[in-house]
């Protein structure tokens, strides 16, 4: 697609919260970066909690730098900050599982 002398590509910008998800389609000039696409979309108006200075972004699940140029068909994803450290959660689950296995509950009581 061309707009005057400028070639345009179609990209998407996506953001999701537990209660609401949104994918916006937009046409941008070739060479548009990840951050520029987010800024040109209306997603920041719809989700004012997004802090672009801190938010991590990616394309189809792979982290990308804000200055990386987009290709036609790319979907820019804005990631929410993690609530809990995944490594710590796994450690806690593993520890809880070990405690349950060791104890054996009432099944191991003597008669």
PDB file of N, CA and C in Angstrom:
ATOM      1  N   UNK A   1       0.841  -1.178   0.000  1.00  0.00           N
ATOM      2  CA  UNK A   1       0.000   0.000   0.000  1.00  0.00           C
ATOM      3  C   UNK A   1       0.887   1.242   0.000  1.00  0.00           C
ATOM      4  N   UNK A   2       0.447   2.247  -0.710  1.00  0.00           N
ATOM      5  CA  UNK A   2       1.193   3.495  -0.767  1.00  0.00           C
ATOM      6  C   UNK A   2       0.282   4.657  -0.411  1.00  0.00           C
ATOM      7  N   UNK A   3       0.828   5.607   0.304  1.00  0.00           N
ATOM      8  CA  UNK A   3       0.121   6.849   0.600  1.00  0.00           C
ATOM      9  C   UNK A   3       1.025   7.955   0.076  1.00  0.00           C
ATOM     10  N   UNK A   4       0.722   8.449  -1.104  1.00  0.00           N
ATOM     11  CA  UNK A   4       1.636   9.380  -1.755  1.00  0.00           C
ATOM     12  C   UNK A   4       2.863   8.589  -2.174  1.00  0.00           C
ATOM     13  N   UNK A   5       4.018   9.020  -1.723  1.00  0.00           N
ATOM     14  CA  UNK A   5       5.267   8.309  -2.015  1.00  0.00           C
ATOM     15  C   UNK A   5       5.679   7.375  -0.888  1.00  0.00           C
ATOM     16  N   UNK A   6       4.878   7.293   0.164  1.00  0.00           N
ATOM     17  CA  UNK A   6       5.236   6.507   1.345  1.00  0.00           C
ATOM     18  C   UNK A   6       4.552   5.144   1.294  1.00  0.00           C
ATOM     19  N   UNK A   7       5.359   4.085   1.418  1.00  0.00           N
ATOM     20  CA  UNK A   7       4.779   2.739   1.450  1.00  0.00           C
ATOM     21  C   UNK A   7       4.273   2.454   2.869  1.00  0.00           C
ATOM     22  N   UNK A   8       3.053   1.939   2.945  1.00  0.00           N
ATOM     23  CA  UNK A   8       2.440   1.625   4.238  1.00  0.00           C
ATOM     24  C   UNK A   8       2.361   0.122   4.437  1.00  0.00           C
ATOM     25  N   UNK A   9       2.457  -0.281   5.700  1.00  0.00           N
ATOM     26  CA  UNK A   9       2.276  -1.686   6.065  1.00  0.00           C
ATOM     27  C   UNK A   9       1.173  -1.775   7.114  1.00  0.00           C
ATOM     28  N   UNK A  10       0.512  -2.914   7.175  1.00  0.00           N
ATOM     29  CA  UNK A  10      -0.539  -3.145   8.154  1.00  0.00           C
ATOM     30  C   UNK A  10       0.059  -3.874   9.350  1.00  0.00           C
ATOM     31  N   UNK A  11      -0.132  -3.334  10.550  1.00  0.00           N
ATOM     32  CA  UNK A  11       0.343  -3.958  11.792  1.00  0.00           C
ATOM     33  C   UNK A  11      -0.777  -3.910  12.818  1.00  0.00           C
ATOM     34  N   UNK A  12      -0.587  -4.607  13.921  1.00  0.00           N
ATOM     35  CA  UNK A  12      -1.544  -4.596  15.019  1.00  0.00           C
ATOM     36  C   UNK A  12      -0.833  -4.225  16.308  1.00  0.00           C
ATOM     37  N   UNK A  13      -1.565  -3.613  17.217  1.00  0.00           N
ATOM     38  CA  UNK A  13      -1.069  -3.310  18.557  1.00  0.00           C
ATOM     39  C   UNK A  13      -2.048  -3.944  19.538  1.00  0.00           C
ATOM     40  N   UNK A  14      -1.535  -4.743  20.472  1.00  0.00           N
ATOM     41  CA  UNK A  14      -2.395  -5.502  21.389  1.00  0.00           C
ATOM     42  C   UNK A  14      -2.015  -5.252  22.847  1.00  0.00           C
ATOM     43  N   UNK A  15      -3.052  -5.253  23.693  1.00  0.00           N
ATOM     44  CA  UNK A  15      -2.859  -5.173  25.138  1.00  0.00           C
ATOM     45  C   UNK A  15      -3.988  -5.957  25.791  1.00  0.00           C
ATOM     46  N   UNK A  16      -3.691  -6.596  26.904  1.00  0.00           N
ATOM     47  CA  UNK A  16      -4.719  -7.394  27.580  1.00  0.00           C
ATOM     48  C   UNK A  16      -4.605  -7.242  29.090  1.00  0.00           C
ATOM     49  N   UNK A  17      -5.773  -7.080  29.684  1.00  0.00           N
ATOM     50  CA  UNK A  17      -5.919  -7.171  31.137  1.00  0.00           C
ATOM     51  C   UNK A  17      -6.826  -8.365  31.370  1.00  0.00           C
ATOM     52  N   UNK A  18      -6.928  -8.846  32.599  1.00  0.00           N
ATOM     53  CA  UNK A  18      -7.831  -9.971  32.851  1.00  0.00           C
ATOM     54  C   UNK A  18      -9.274  -9.685  32.441  1.00  0.00           C
ATOM     55  N   UNK A  19      -9.688  -8.422  32.535  1.00  0.00           N
ATOM     56  CA  UNK A  19     -11.079  -8.081  32.253  1.00  0.00           C
ATOM     57  C   UNK A  19     -11.321  -7.519  30.851  1.00  0.00           C
ATOM     58  N   UNK A  20     -10.262  -7.190  30.122  1.00  0.00           N
ATOM     59  CA  UNK A  20     -10.447  -6.558  28.815  1.00  0.00           C
ATOM     60  C   UNK A  20      -9.215  -6.756  27.942  1.00  0.00           C
ATOM     61  N   UNK A  21      -9.459  -7.105  26.683  1.00  0.00           N
ATOM     62  CA  UNK A  21      -8.377  -7.271  25.721  1.00  0.00           C
ATOM     63  C   UNK A  21      -8.705  -6.431  24.498  1.00  0.00           C
ATOM     64  N   UNK A  22      -7.650  -5.940  23.842  1.00  0.00           N
ATOM     65  CA  UNK A  22      -7.875  -5.116  22.662  1.00  0.00           C
ATOM     66  C   UNK A  22      -6.744  -5.303  21.665  1.00  0.00           C
ATOM     67  N   UNK A  23      -7.109  -5.497  20.402  1.00  0.00           N
ATOM     68  CA  UNK A  23      -6.144  -5.544  19.308  1.00  0.00           C
ATOM     69  C   UNK A  23      -6.575  -4.498  18.299  1.00  0.00           C
ATOM     70  N   UNK A  24      -5.698  -3.541  18.047  1.00  0.00           N
ATOM     71  CA  UNK A  24      -5.984  -2.468  17.106  1.00  0.00           C
ATOM     72  C   UNK A  24      -5.168  -2.657  15.839  1.00  0.00           C
ATOM     73  N   UNK A  25      -5.815  -2.511  14.697  1.00  0.00           N
ATOM     74  CA  UNK A  25      -5.113  -2.586  13.414  1.00  0.00           C
ATOM     75  C   UNK A  25      -4.812  -1.171  12.959  1.00  0.00           C
ATOM     76  N   UNK A  26      -3.607  -0.975  12.395  1.00  0.00           N
ATOM     77  CA  UNK A  26      -3.288   0.325  11.853  1.00  0.00           C
ATOM     78  C   UNK A  26      -2.300   0.220  10.701  1.00  0.00           C
ATOM     79  N   UNK A  27      -2.342   1.200   9.846  1.00  0.00           N
ATOM     80  CA  UNK A  27      -1.398   1.296   8.746  1.00  0.00           C
ATOM     81  C   UNK A  27      -0.327   2.290   9.143  1.00  0.00           C
ATOM     82  N   UNK A  28       0.917   1.882   8.984  1.00  0.00           N
ATOM     83  CA  UNK A  28       2.050   2.732   9.352  1.00  0.00           C
ATOM     84  C   UNK A  28       3.064   2.722   8.211  1.00  0.00           C
ATOM     85  N   UNK A  29       3.880   3.759   8.120  1.00  0.00           N
ATOM     86  CA  UNK A  29       4.909   3.766   7.087  1.00  0.00           C
ATOM     87  C   UNK A  29       5.968   2.689   7.349  1.00  0.00           C
ATOM     88  N   UNK A  30       6.538   2.162   6.283  1.00  0.00           N
ATOM     89  CA  UNK A  30       7.650   1.222   6.407  1.00  0.00           C
ATOM     90  C   UNK A  30       8.731   1.904   7.246  1.00  0.00           C
ATOM     91  N   UNK A  31       9.330   1.157   8.185  1.00  0.00           N
ATOM     92  CA  UNK A  31      10.357   1.715   9.060  1.00  0.00           C
ATOM     93  C   UNK A  31       9.830   2.163  10.407  1.00  0.00           C
ATOM     94  N   UNK A  32       8.512   2.114  10.592  1.00  0.00           N
ATOM     95  CA  UNK A  32       7.921   2.471  11.883  1.00  0.00           C
ATOM     96  C   UNK A  32       8.419   1.498  12.941  1.00  0.00           C
ATOM     97  N   UNK A  33       8.741   2.012  14.124  1.00  0.00           N
ATOM     98  CA  UNK A  33       9.256   1.175  15.206  1.00  0.00           C
ATOM     99  C   UNK A  33       8.123   0.660  16.093  1.00  0.00           C
ATOM    100  N   UNK A  34       8.483  -0.273  16.946  1.00  0.00           N
ATOM    101  CA  UNK A  34       7.542  -0.844  17.911  1.00  0.00           C
ATOM    102  C   UNK A  34       6.893   0.276  18.722  1.00  0.00           C
ATOM    103  N   UNK A  35       7.705   1.150  19.294  1.00  0.00           N
ATOM    104  CA  UNK A  35       7.167   2.221  20.139  1.00  0.00           C
ATOM    105  C   UNK A  35       6.334   3.219  19.329  1.00  0.00           C
ATOM    106  N   UNK A  36       6.767   3.545  18.135  1.00  0.00           N
ATOM    107  CA  UNK A  36       5.997   4.479  17.314  1.00  0.00           C
ATOM    108  C   UNK A  36       4.615   3.930  16.990  1.00  0.00           C
ATOM    109  N   UNK A  37       4.530   2.642  16.722  1.00  0.00           N
ATOM    110  CA  UNK A  37       3.228   2.031  16.427  1.00  0.00           C
ATOM    111  C   UNK A  37       2.303   2.138  17.636  1.00  0.00           C
ATOM    112  N   UNK A  38       2.842   1.874  18.819  1.00  0.00           N
ATOM    113  CA  UNK A  38       2.032   1.983  20.039  1.00  0.00           C
ATOM    114  C   UNK A  38       1.551   3.421  20.212  1.00  0.00           C
ATOM    115  N   UNK A  39       2.461   4.372  20.006  1.00  0.00           N
ATOM    116  CA  UNK A  39       2.103   5.780  20.172  1.00  0.00           C
ATOM    117  C   UNK A  39       1.078   6.228  19.132  1.00  0.00           C
ATOM    118  N   UNK A  40       1.155   5.692  17.917  1.00  0.00           N
ATOM    119  CA  UNK A  40       0.223   6.085  16.854  1.00  0.00           C
ATOM    120  C   UNK A  40      -1.150   5.435  17.013  1.00  0.00           C
ATOM    121  N   UNK A  41      -1.184   4.303  17.714  1.00  0.00           N
ATOM    122  CA  UNK A  41      -2.478   3.656  17.958  1.00  0.00           C
ATOM    123  C   UNK A  41      -3.197   4.445  19.057  1.00  0.00           C
ATOM    124  N   UNK A  42      -4.437   4.095  19.317  1.00  0.00           N
ATOM    125  CA  UNK A  42      -5.175   4.769  20.403  1.00  0.00           C
ATOM    126  C   UNK A  42      -5.156   3.941  21.685  1.00  0.00           C
ATOM    127  N   UNK A  43      -4.273   2.961  21.746  1.00  0.00           N
ATOM    128  CA  UNK A  43      -4.281   2.036  22.880  1.00  0.00           C
ATOM    129  C   UNK A  43      -3.925   2.725  24.200  1.00  0.00           C
ATOM    130  N   UNK A  44      -3.049   3.737  24.142  1.00  0.00           N
ATOM    131  CA  UNK A  44      -2.671   4.438  25.373  1.00  0.00           C
ATOM    132  C   UNK A  44      -3.841   5.243  25.933  1.00  0.00           C
ATOM    133  N   UNK A  45      -4.736   5.687  25.073  1.00  0.00           N
ATOM    134  CA  UNK A  45      -5.929   6.401  25.536  1.00  0.00           C
ATOM    135  C   UNK A  45      -6.918   5.434  26.180  1.00  0.00           C
ATOM    136  N   UNK A  46      -7.001   4.237  25.639  1.00  0.00           N
ATOM    137  CA  UNK A  46      -7.945   3.243  26.151  1.00  0.00           C
ATOM    138  C   UNK A  46      -7.444   2.553  27.423  1.00  0.00           C
ATOM    139  N   UNK A  47      -6.127   2.506  27.593  1.00  0.00           N
ATOM    140  CA  UNK A  47      -5.520   1.893  28.784  1.00  0.00           C
ATOM    141  C   UNK A  47      -4.506   2.876  29.376  1.00  0.00           C
ATOM    142  N   UNK A  48      -4.958   3.887  30.099  1.00  0.00           N
ATOM    143  CA  UNK A  48      -4.037   4.912  30.617  1.00  0.00           C
ATOM    144  C   UNK A  48      -3.017   4.377  31.632  1.00  0.00           C
ATOM    145  N   UNK A  49      -3.226   3.176  32.134  1.00  0.00           N
ATOM    146  CA  UNK A  49      -2.280   2.611  33.100  1.00  0.00           C
ATOM    147  C   UNK A  49      -0.974   2.164  32.445  1.00  0.00           C
ATOM    148  N   UNK A  50      -0.934   2.085  31.131  1.00  0.00           N
ATOM    149  CA  UNK A  50       0.286   1.665  30.433  1.00  0.00           C
ATOM    150  C   UNK A  50       1.332   2.759  30.565  1.00  0.00           C
ATOM    151  N   UNK A  51       2.499   2.386  31.080  1.00  0.00           N
ATOM    152  CA  UNK A  51       3.630   3.310  31.194  1.00  0.00           C
ATOM    153  C   UNK A  51       4.671   2.863  30.177  1.00  0.00           C
ATOM    154  N   UNK A  52       4.724   3.538  29.035  1.00  0.00           N
ATOM    155  CA  UNK A  52       5.636   3.115  27.961  1.00  0.00           C
ATOM    156  C   UNK A  52       7.094   3.139  28.382  1.00  0.00           C
ATOM    157  N   UNK A  53       7.440   3.982  29.350  1.00  0.00           N
ATOM    158  CA  UNK A  53       8.828   4.048  29.813  1.00  0.00           C
ATOM    159  C   UNK A  53       9.231   2.754  30.520  1.00  0.00           C
ATOM    160  N   UNK A  54       8.259   2.046  31.106  1.00  0.00           N
ATOM    161  CA  UNK A  54       8.551   0.826  31.863  1.00  0.00           C
ATOM    162  C   UNK A  54       8.037  -0.443  31.181  1.00  0.00           C
ATOM    163  N   UNK A  55       7.033  -0.313  30.339  1.00  0.00           N
ATOM    164  CA  UNK A  55       6.383  -1.490  29.755  1.00  0.00           C
ATOM    165  C   UNK A  55       7.318  -2.242  28.818  1.00  0.00           C
ATOM    166  N   UNK A  56       7.260  -3.550  28.908  1.00  0.00           N
ATOM    167  CA  UNK A  56       7.985  -4.392  27.966  1.00  0.00           C
ATOM    168  C   UNK A  56       7.054  -4.653  26.794  1.00  0.00           C
ATOM    169  N   UNK A  57       7.662  -4.731  25.604  1.00  0.00           N
ATOM    170  CA  UNK A  57       6.874  -4.955  24.400  1.00  0.00           C
ATOM    171  C   UNK A  57       7.517  -6.058  23.576  1.00  0.00           C
ATOM    172  N   UNK A  58       6.714  -6.686  22.765  1.00  0.00           N
ATOM    173  CA  UNK A  58       7.224  -7.756  21.925  1.00  0.00           C
ATOM    174  C   UNK A  58       6.393  -7.908  20.680  1.00  0.00           C
ATOM    175  N   UNK A  59       6.845  -8.824  19.821  1.00  0.00           N
ATOM    176  CA  UNK A  59       6.119  -9.154  18.602  1.00  0.00           C
ATOM    177  C   UNK A  59       5.873 -10.653  18.633  1.00  0.00           C
ATOM    178  N   UNK A  60       4.608 -11.035  18.632  1.00  0.00           N
ATOM    179  CA  UNK A  60       4.217 -12.449  18.679  1.00  0.00           C
ATOM    180  C   UNK A  60       4.944 -13.214  19.794  1.00  0.00           C
ATOM    181  N   UNK A  61       4.966 -12.637  21.000  1.00  0.00           N
ATOM    182  CA  UNK A  61       5.499 -13.324  22.163  1.00  0.00           C
ATOM    183  C   UNK A  61       7.008 -13.244  22.348  1.00  0.00           C
ATOM    184  N   UNK A  62       7.712 -12.540  21.490  1.00  0.00           N
ATOM    185  CA  UNK A  62       9.163 -12.404  21.632  1.00  0.00           C
ATOM    186  C   UNK A  62       9.489 -10.952  21.954  1.00  0.00           C
ATOM    187  N   UNK A  63      10.214 -10.752  23.062  1.00  0.00           N
ATOM    188  CA  UNK A  63      10.562  -9.398  23.484  1.00  0.00           C
ATOM    189  C   UNK A  63      11.321  -8.668  22.389  1.00  0.00           C
ATOM    190  N   UNK A  64      10.984  -7.395  22.205  1.00  0.00           N
ATOM    191  CA  UNK A  64      11.646  -6.550  21.217  1.00  0.00           C
ATOM    192  C   UNK A  64      11.984  -5.221  21.851  1.00  0.00           C
ATOM    193  N   UNK A  65      12.999  -4.560  21.325  1.00  0.00           N
ATOM    194  CA  UNK A  65      13.356  -3.223  21.794  1.00  0.00           C
ATOM    195  C   UNK A  65      12.384  -2.219  21.171  1.00  0.00           C
ATOM    196  N   UNK A  66      12.093  -1.130  21.888  1.00  0.00           N
ATOM    197  CA  UNK A  66      11.140  -0.147  21.373  1.00  0.00           C
ATOM    198  C   UNK A  66      11.538   0.435  20.012  1.00  0.00           C
ATOM    199  N   UNK A  67      12.826   0.482  19.722  1.00  0.00           N
ATOM    200  CA  UNK A  67      13.298   1.073  18.480  1.00  0.00           C
ATOM    201  C   UNK A  67      13.381   0.121  17.310  1.00  0.00           C
ATOM    202  N   UNK A  68      12.947  -1.120  17.503  1.00  0.00           N
ATOM    203  CA  UNK A  68      13.021  -2.102  16.422  1.00  0.00           C
ATOM    204  C   UNK A  68      11.940  -1.840  15.379  1.00  0.00           C
ATOM    205  N   UNK A  69      12.325  -1.877  14.106  1.00  0.00           N
ATOM    206  CA  UNK A  69      11.390  -1.608  13.005  1.00  0.00           C
ATOM    207  C   UNK A  69      10.433  -2.785  12.819  1.00  0.00           C
ATOM    208  N   UNK A  70       9.208  -2.450  12.448  1.00  0.00           N
ATOM    209  CA  UNK A  70       8.176  -3.461  12.241  1.00  0.00           C
ATOM    210  C   UNK A  70       8.154  -3.944  10.794  1.00  0.00           C
ATOM    211  N   UNK A  71       7.641  -5.143  10.614  1.00  0.00           N
ATOM    212  CA  UNK A  71       7.398  -5.719   9.300  1.00  0.00           C
ATOM    213  C   UNK A  71       5.896  -5.824   9.096  1.00  0.00           C
ATOM    214  N   UNK A  72       5.472  -5.910   7.847  1.00  0.00           N
ATOM    215  CA  UNK A  72       4.051  -6.046   7.546  1.00  0.00           C
ATOM    216  C   UNK A  72       3.487  -7.265   8.268  1.00  0.00           C
ATOM    217  N   UNK A  73       2.343  -7.095   8.913  1.00  0.00           N
ATOM    218  CA  UNK A  73       1.673  -8.197   9.602  1.00  0.00           C
ATOM    219  C   UNK A  73       2.109  -8.404  11.045  1.00  0.00           C
ATOM    220  N   UNK A  74       3.107  -7.651  11.527  1.00  0.00           N
ATOM    221  CA  UNK A  74       3.549  -7.806  12.919  1.00  0.00           C
ATOM    222  C   UNK A  74       2.437  -7.387  13.880  1.00  0.00           C
ATOM    223  N   UNK A  75       2.385  -8.073  15.034  1.00  0.00           N
ATOM    224  CA  UNK A  75       1.480  -7.693  16.115  1.00  0.00           C
ATOM    225  C   UNK A  75       2.334  -7.273  17.304  1.00  0.00           C
ATOM    226  N   UNK A  76       2.302  -5.997  17.634  1.00  0.00           N
ATOM    227  CA  UNK A  76       3.030  -5.477  18.790  1.00  0.00           C
ATOM    228  C   UNK A  76       2.204  -5.787  20.026  1.00  0.00           C
ATOM    229  N   UNK A  77       2.826  -6.437  20.995  1.00  0.00           N
ATOM    230  CA  UNK A  77       2.143  -6.786  22.245  1.00  0.00           C
ATOM    231  C   UNK A  77       2.779  -5.996  23.382  1.00  0.00           C
ATOM    232  N   UNK A  78       1.942  -5.370  24.179  1.00  0.00           N
ATOM    233  CA  UNK A  78       2.409  -4.626  25.349  1.00  0.00           C
ATOM    234  C   UNK A  78       2.155  -5.523  26.547  1.00  0.00           C
ATOM    235  N   UNK A  79       3.217  -5.831  27.289  1.00  0.00           N
ATOM    236  CA  UNK A  79       3.104  -6.772  28.403  1.00  0.00           C
ATOM    237  C   UNK A  79       2.917  -6.045  29.725  1.00  0.00           C
ATOM    238  N   UNK A  80       2.008  -6.578  30.545  1.00  0.00           N
ATOM    239  CA  UNK A  80       1.798  -6.040  31.893  1.00  0.00           C
ATOM    240  C   UNK A  80       2.937  -6.518  32.792  1.00  0.00           C
ATOM    241  N   UNK A  81       3.271  -5.741  33.834  1.00  0.00           N
ATOM    242  CA  UNK A  81       4.302  -6.201  34.768  1.00  0.00           C
ATOM    243  C   UNK A  81       3.836  -7.455  35.505  1.00  0.00           C
ATOM    244  N   UNK A  82       4.776  -8.317  35.840  1.00  0.00           N
ATOM    245  CA  UNK A  82       4.448  -9.537  36.585  1.00  0.00           C
ATOM    246  C   UNK A  82       4.082  -9.182  38.019  1.00  0.00           C
ATOM    247  N   UNK A  83       3.085  -9.876  38.548  1.00  0.00           N
ATOM    248  CA  UNK A  83       2.681  -9.660  39.936  1.00  0.00           C
ATOM    249  C   UNK A  83       3.608 -10.429  40.871  1.00  0.00           C
ATOM    250  N   UNK A  84       4.024 -11.624  40.458  1.00  0.00           N
ATOM    251  CA  UNK A  84       4.904 -12.459  41.270  1.00  0.00           C
ATOM    252  C   UNK A  84       6.026 -12.998  40.392  1.00  0.00           C
ATOM    253  N   UNK A  85       7.177 -13.234  40.992  1.00  0.00           N
ATOM    254  CA  UNK A  85       8.318 -13.800  40.284  1.00  0.00           C
ATOM    255  C   UNK A  85       8.030 -15.267  39.979  1.00  0.00           C
ATOM    256  N   UNK A  86       8.018 -15.667  38.710  1.00  0.00           N
ATOM    257  CA  UNK A  86       7.692 -17.054  38.365  1.00  0.00           C
ATOM    258  C   UNK A  86       8.611 -18.083  39.023  1.00  0.00           C
ATOM    259  N   UNK A  87       9.880 -17.749  39.173  1.00  0.00           N
ATOM    260  CA  UNK A  87      10.821 -18.687  39.812  1.00  0.00           C
ATOM    261  C   UNK A  87      10.443 -18.916  41.272  1.00  0.00           C
ATOM    262  N   UNK A  88      10.077 -17.834  41.943  1.00  0.00           N
ATOM    263  CA  UNK A  88       9.702 -17.938  43.353  1.00  0.00           C
ATOM    264  C   UNK A  88       8.416 -18.748  43.511  1.00  0.00           C
ATOM    265  N   UNK A  89       7.456 -18.541  42.629  1.00  0.00           N
ATOM    266  CA  UNK A  89       6.200 -19.286  42.683  1.00  0.00           C
ATOM    267  C   UNK A  89       6.460 -20.781  42.489  1.00  0.00           C
ATOM    268  N   UNK A  90       7.327 -21.131  41.541  1.00  0.00           N
ATOM    269  CA  UNK A  90       7.664 -22.552  41.321  1.00  0.00           C
ATOM    270  C   UNK A  90       8.328 -23.157  42.556  1.00  0.00           C
ATOM    271  N   UNK A  91       9.217 -22.392  43.179  1.00  0.00           N
ATOM    272  CA  UNK A  91       9.880 -22.882  44.404  1.00  0.00           C
ATOM    273  C   UNK A  91       8.844 -23.162  45.498  1.00  0.00           C
ATOM    274  N   UNK A  92       7.894 -22.237  45.643  1.00  0.00           N
ATOM    275  CA  UNK A  92       6.862 -22.404  46.666  1.00  0.00           C
ATOM    276  C   UNK A  92       5.985 -23.617  46.383  1.00  0.00           C
ATOM    277  N   UNK A  93       5.616 -23.808  45.106  1.00  0.00           N
ATOM    278  CA  UNK A  93       4.805 -24.973  44.742  1.00  0.00           C
ATOM    279  C   UNK A  93       5.569 -26.267  44.986  1.00  0.00           C
ATOM    280  N   UNK A  94       6.836 -26.275  44.620  1.00  0.00           N
ATOM    281  CA  UNK A  94       7.653 -27.473  44.814  1.00  0.00           C
ATOM    282  C   UNK A  94       7.788 -27.790  46.303  1.00  0.00           C
ATOM    283  N   UNK A  95       8.005 -26.755  47.112  1.00  0.00           N
ATOM    284  CA  UNK A  95       8.134 -26.968  48.555  1.00  0.00           C
ATOM    285  C   UNK A  95       6.827 -27.491  49.137  1.00  0.00           C
ATOM    286  N   UNK A  96       5.701 -26.963  48.701  1.00  0.00           N
ATOM    287  CA  UNK A  96       4.398 -27.418  49.201  1.00  0.00           C
ATOM    288  C   UNK A  96       4.160 -28.859  48.791  1.00  0.00           C
ATOM    289  N   UNK A  97       4.538 -29.227  47.598  1.00  0.00           N
ATOM    290  CA  UNK A  97       4.371 -30.603  47.125  1.00  0.00           C
ATOM    291  C   UNK A  97       5.209 -31.576  47.916  1.00  0.00           C
ATOM    292  N   UNK A  98       6.433 -31.195  48.255  1.00  0.00           N
ATOM    293  CA  UNK A  98       7.326 -32.068  49.027  1.00  0.00           C
ATOM    294  C   UNK A  98       6.770 -32.293  50.428  1.00  0.00           C
ATOM    295  N   UNK A  99       6.232 -31.251  51.042  1.00  0.00           N
ATOM    296  CA  UNK A  99       5.671 -31.374  52.386  1.00  0.00           C
ATOM    297  C   UNK A  99       4.497 -32.352  52.355  1.00  0.00           C
ATOM    298  N   UNK A 100       3.638 -32.240  51.371  1.00  0.00           N
ATOM    299  CA  UNK A 100       2.480 -33.123  51.290  1.00  0.00           C
ATOM    300  C   UNK A 100       2.917 -34.569  51.074  1.00  0.00           C
ATOM    301  N   UNK A 101       3.908 -34.806  50.253  1.00  0.00           N
ATOM    302  CA  UNK A 101       4.361 -36.165  49.977  1.00  0.00           C
ATOM    303  C   UNK A 101       5.011 -36.796  51.210  1.00  0.00           C
ATOM    304  N   UNK A 102       5.806 -35.997  51.949  1.00  0.00           N
ATOM    305  CA  UNK A 102       6.501 -36.521  53.116  1.00  0.00           C
ATOM    306  C   UNK A 102       5.515 -36.933  54.221  1.00  0.00           C
ATOM    307  N   UNK A 103       4.513 -36.068  54.457  1.00  0.00           N
ATOM    308  CA  UNK A 103       3.589 -36.311  55.561  1.00  0.00           C
ATOM    309  C   UNK A 103       2.683 -37.502  55.354  1.00  0.00           C
ATOM    310  N   UNK A 104       2.173 -37.656  54.177  1.00  0.00           N
ATOM    311  CA  UNK A 104       1.294 -38.780  53.888  1.00  0.00           C
ATOM    312  C   UNK A 104      -0.084 -38.655  54.494  1.00  0.00           C
ATOM    313  N   UNK A 105      -0.346 -37.609  55.277  1.00  0.00           N
ATOM    314  CA  UNK A 105      -1.677 -37.370  55.835  1.00  0.00           C
ATOM    315  C   UNK A 105      -2.130 -38.478  56.767  1.00  0.00           C
ATOM    316  N   UNK A 106      -3.447 -38.710  56.851  1.00  0.00           N
ATOM    317  CA  UNK A 106      -4.039 -39.697  57.752  1.00  0.00           C
ATOM    318  C   UNK A 106      -3.803 -41.135  57.296  1.00  0.00           C
ATOM    319  N   UNK A 107      -3.451 -41.333  56.042  1.00  0.00           N
ATOM    320  CA  UNK A 107      -3.274 -42.679  55.513  1.00  0.00           C
ATOM    321  C   UNK A 107      -2.127 -43.404  56.196  1.00  0.00           C
ATOM    322  N   UNK A 108      -1.203 -42.653  56.752  1.00  0.00           N
ATOM    323  CA  UNK A 108      -0.038 -43.295  57.374  1.00  0.00           C
ATOM    324  C   UNK A 108      -0.195 -43.483  58.871  1.00  0.00           C
ATOM    325  N   UNK A 109      -1.367 -43.252  59.444  1.00  0.00           N
ATOM    326  CA  UNK A 109      -1.559 -43.362  60.894  1.00  0.00           C
ATOM    327  C   UNK A 109      -1.506 -44.836  61.321  1.00  0.00           C
ATOM    328  N   UNK A 110      -1.005 -45.043  62.582  1.00  0.00           N
ATOM    329  CA  UNK A 110      -0.870 -46.417  63.086  1.00  0.00           C
ATOM    330  C   UNK A 110      -2.194 -46.905  63.666  1.00  0.00           C
ATOM    331  N   UNK A 111      -2.469 -48.207  63.557  1.00  0.00           N
ATOM    332  CA  UNK A 111      -3.696 -48.768  64.123  1.00  0.00           C
ATOM    333  C   UNK A 111      -3.416 -49.559  65.347  1.00  0.00           C
TER     334      UNK A 111
END
